[in-house]
């Protein structure tokens, strides 16, 4: 059974940093593309970025240069390092994987950027 569990969210001031984690289980983690999405209140879910099995990454323009995705294959974990956070980064951040013809989501972790 595929499971994704996010953690690391919280309240942070503008300009601050947070590091989110997503621990995966139930599938072979190493070769799998792992994605981060976010959903702000009243807005559609949007792709933040992803990391492929060779470590190459893609980022949405809105977070490029501020966010970094990495992975630890030995711990089946993908990370989202968020720096220079802005109020508009406030959202629930979710981990996503496509596996065996299905899309799986974690429950998400809330990130609030406010002074």
C-alpha atoms as a PDB file:
ATOM      1  CA  UNK A   1       0.000   0.000   0.000  1.00  0.00           C
ATOM      2  CA  UNK A   2       1.461   3.320  -1.100  1.00  0.00           C
ATOM      3  CA  UNK A   3       1.742   5.875   1.682  1.00  0.00           C
ATOM      4  CA  UNK A   4       3.131   9.396   1.676  1.00  0.00           C
ATOM      5  CA  UNK A   5       3.524  11.282   4.944  1.00  0.00           C
ATOM      6  CA  UNK A   6       4.516  14.930   4.927  1.00  0.00           C
ATOM      7  CA  UNK A   7       5.901  16.865   7.872  1.00  0.00           C
ATOM      8  CA  UNK A   8       7.791  20.034   8.720  1.00  0.00           C
ATOM      9  CA  UNK A   9       5.173  22.677   8.128  1.00  0.00           C
ATOM     10  CA  UNK A  10       4.443  25.538  10.485  1.00  0.00           C
ATOM     11  CA  UNK A  11       4.225  29.277  10.955  1.00  0.00           C
ATOM     12  CA  UNK A  12       7.164  31.322   9.739  1.00  0.00           C
ATOM     13  CA  UNK A  13       7.804  35.014   9.216  1.00  0.00           C
ATOM     14  CA  UNK A  14       8.346  36.454   5.734  1.00  0.00           C
ATOM     15  CA  UNK A  15      11.927  35.875   4.676  1.00  0.00           C
ATOM     16  CA  UNK A  16      12.203  32.778   6.824  1.00  0.00           C
ATOM     17  CA  UNK A  17      12.885  29.160   5.933  1.00  0.00           C
ATOM     18  CA  UNK A  18      11.284  25.775   6.406  1.00  0.00           C
ATOM     19  CA  UNK A  19      12.240  22.271   5.391  1.00  0.00           C
ATOM     20  CA  UNK A  20       9.465  19.865   4.542  1.00  0.00           C
ATOM     21  CA  UNK A  21       9.843  16.093   4.407  1.00  0.00           C
ATOM     22  CA  UNK A  22       7.802  13.404   2.713  1.00  0.00           C
ATOM     23  CA  UNK A  23       8.403   9.823   3.770  1.00  0.00           C
ATOM     24  CA  UNK A  24       7.241   7.265   1.225  1.00  0.00           C
ATOM     25  CA  UNK A  25       6.437   3.588   1.584  1.00  0.00           C
ATOM     26  CA  UNK A  26       4.749   0.808  -0.345  1.00  0.00           C
ATOM     27  CA  UNK A  27       6.714   1.122  -3.579  1.00  0.00           C
ATOM     28  CA  UNK A  28      10.274   1.158  -4.895  1.00  0.00           C
ATOM     29  CA  UNK A  29      11.348   4.683  -4.103  1.00  0.00           C
ATOM     30  CA  UNK A  30      14.688   5.023  -5.865  1.00  0.00           C
ATOM     31  CA  UNK A  31      13.593   5.155  -9.532  1.00  0.00           C
ATOM     32  CA  UNK A  32      10.394   7.104  -8.931  1.00  0.00           C
ATOM     33  CA  UNK A  33       9.738  10.742  -9.741  1.00  0.00           C
ATOM     34  CA  UNK A  34       8.579  12.528  -6.611  1.00  0.00           C
ATOM     35  CA  UNK A  35       6.564  15.728  -6.818  1.00  0.00           C
ATOM     36  CA  UNK A  36       5.598  18.525  -4.461  1.00  0.00           C
ATOM     37  CA  UNK A  37       2.341  20.420  -4.909  1.00  0.00           C
ATOM     38  CA  UNK A  38       0.678  23.142  -2.891  1.00  0.00           C
ATOM     39  CA  UNK A  39      -2.864  24.361  -2.478  1.00  0.00           C
ATOM     40  CA  UNK A  40      -3.755  27.748  -1.060  1.00  0.00           C
ATOM     41  CA  UNK A  41      -7.254  28.547   0.226  1.00  0.00           C
ATOM     42  CA  UNK A  42      -9.619  29.204  -2.670  1.00  0.00           C
ATOM     43  CA  UNK A  43      -7.009  28.334  -5.269  1.00  0.00           C
ATOM     44  CA  UNK A  44      -6.291  25.337  -7.450  1.00  0.00           C
ATOM     45  CA  UNK A  45      -3.601  22.889  -6.534  1.00  0.00           C
ATOM     46  CA  UNK A  46      -0.342  23.816  -8.264  1.00  0.00           C
ATOM     47  CA  UNK A  47       2.886  21.999  -8.970  1.00  0.00           C
ATOM     48  CA  UNK A  48       5.809  23.321  -6.939  1.00  0.00           C
ATOM     49  CA  UNK A  49       8.409  21.049  -8.477  1.00  0.00           C
ATOM     50  CA  UNK A  50       9.692  17.527  -8.787  1.00  0.00           C
ATOM     51  CA  UNK A  51      12.825  15.436  -8.616  1.00  0.00           C
ATOM     52  CA  UNK A  52      13.601  12.577 -10.963  1.00  0.00           C
ATOM     53  CA  UNK A  53      15.491   9.395 -10.213  1.00  0.00           C
ATOM     54  CA  UNK A  54      18.795  10.862 -11.391  1.00  0.00           C
ATOM     55  CA  UNK A  55      18.358  13.859  -9.098  1.00  0.00           C
ATOM     56  CA  UNK A  56      17.454  16.350 -11.768  1.00  0.00           C
ATOM     57  CA  UNK A  57      14.844  18.849 -10.681  1.00  0.00           C
ATOM     58  CA  UNK A  58      12.147  21.114 -12.035  1.00  0.00           C
ATOM     59  CA  UNK A  59      10.631  24.127 -10.290  1.00  0.00           C
ATOM     60  CA  UNK A  60       7.687  26.372 -10.923  1.00  0.00           C
ATOM     61  CA  UNK A  61       8.689  29.924 -11.809  1.00  0.00           C
ATOM     62  CA  UNK A  62       7.080  31.211  -8.613  1.00  0.00           C
ATOM     63  CA  UNK A  63       9.557  29.292  -6.424  1.00  0.00           C
ATOM     64  CA  UNK A  64      12.638  29.031  -8.634  1.00  0.00           C
ATOM     65  CA  UNK A  65      15.755  30.207  -6.843  1.00  0.00           C
ATOM     66  CA  UNK A  66      14.077  29.995  -3.428  1.00  0.00           C
ATOM     67  CA  UNK A  67      13.012  26.349  -3.111  1.00  0.00           C
ATOM     68  CA  UNK A  68      15.157  23.223  -3.459  1.00  0.00           C
ATOM     69  CA  UNK A  69      13.975  19.644  -3.775  1.00  0.00           C
ATOM     70  CA  UNK A  70      16.255  16.793  -2.779  1.00  0.00           C
ATOM     71  CA  UNK A  71      15.904  13.121  -1.952  1.00  0.00           C
ATOM     72  CA  UNK A  72      17.452  10.510   0.302  1.00  0.00           C
ATOM     73  CA  UNK A  73      16.857   7.160  -1.385  1.00  0.00           C
ATOM     74  CA  UNK A  74      18.193   5.276   1.614  1.00  0.00           C
ATOM     75  CA  UNK A  75      15.427   6.771   3.758  1.00  0.00           C
ATOM     76  CA  UNK A  76      12.692   6.838   1.107  1.00  0.00           C
ATOM     77  CA  UNK A  77      12.355  10.542   1.753  1.00  0.00           C
ATOM     78  CA  UNK A  78      12.012  13.611  -0.423  1.00  0.00           C
ATOM     79  CA  UNK A  79      12.664  17.084   0.958  1.00  0.00           C
ATOM     80  CA  UNK A  80      11.507  20.567   0.087  1.00  0.00           C
ATOM     81  CA  UNK A  81      13.817  23.291   1.391  1.00  0.00           C
ATOM     82  CA  UNK A  82      12.003  26.615   1.271  1.00  0.00           C
ATOM     83  CA  UNK A  83      13.941  29.846   1.721  1.00  0.00           C
ATOM     84  CA  UNK A  84      12.997  33.511   1.453  1.00  0.00           C
ATOM     85  CA  UNK A  85       9.411  32.617   2.138  1.00  0.00           C
ATOM     86  CA  UNK A  86       6.657  35.034   1.153  1.00  0.00           C
ATOM     87  CA  UNK A  87       3.079  35.374   2.376  1.00  0.00           C
ATOM     88  CA  UNK A  88       1.916  34.068  -0.997  1.00  0.00           C
ATOM     89  CA  UNK A  89       3.701  30.785  -0.246  1.00  0.00           C
ATOM     90  CA  UNK A  90       1.064  30.089   2.407  1.00  0.00           C
ATOM     91  CA  UNK A  91      -0.592  26.801   1.483  1.00  0.00           C
ATOM     92  CA  UNK A  92      -0.943  23.137   2.274  1.00  0.00           C
ATOM     93  CA  UNK A  93       2.045  21.366   0.751  1.00  0.00           C
ATOM     94  CA  UNK A  94       1.498  17.851  -0.546  1.00  0.00           C
ATOM     95  CA  UNK A  95       3.700  15.064  -1.783  1.00  0.00           C
ATOM     96  CA  UNK A  96       2.676  13.192  -4.922  1.00  0.00           C
ATOM     97  CA  UNK A  97       3.708  10.056  -6.764  1.00  0.00           C
ATOM     98  CA  UNK A  98       2.437   8.213  -9.821  1.00  0.00           C
ATOM     99  CA  UNK A  99       2.730   4.502  -9.265  1.00  0.00           C
ATOM    100  CA  UNK A 100       1.261   1.498 -11.071  1.00  0.00           C
ATOM    101  CA  UNK A 101      -1.203   3.610 -12.998  1.00  0.00           C
ATOM    102  CA  UNK A 102      -2.464   5.572 -10.011  1.00  0.00           C
ATOM    103  CA  UNK A 103      -1.743   8.944  -8.499  1.00  0.00           C
ATOM    104  CA  UNK A 104      -1.155   9.000  -4.767  1.00  0.00           C
ATOM    105  CA  UNK A 105      -1.209  11.979  -2.411  1.00  0.00           C
ATOM    106  CA  UNK A 106      -0.144  12.551   1.124  1.00  0.00           C
ATOM    107  CA  UNK A 107      -2.386  14.435   3.536  1.00  0.00           C
ATOM    108  CA  UNK A 108      -0.206  17.503   3.345  1.00  0.00           C
ATOM    109  CA  UNK A 109       1.436  19.843   5.805  1.00  0.00           C
ATOM    110  CA  UNK A 110       0.350  23.425   6.407  1.00  0.00           C
ATOM    111  CA  UNK A 111       2.808  26.254   5.767  1.00  0.00           C
ATOM    112  CA  UNK A 112       1.796  29.724   6.909  1.00  0.00           C
ATOM    113  CA  UNK A 113       3.971  32.728   6.156  1.00  0.00           C
ATOM    114  CA  UNK A 114       2.922  35.704   8.213  1.00  0.00           C
ATOM    115  CA  UNK A 115       4.322  38.386  10.471  1.00  0.00           C
END
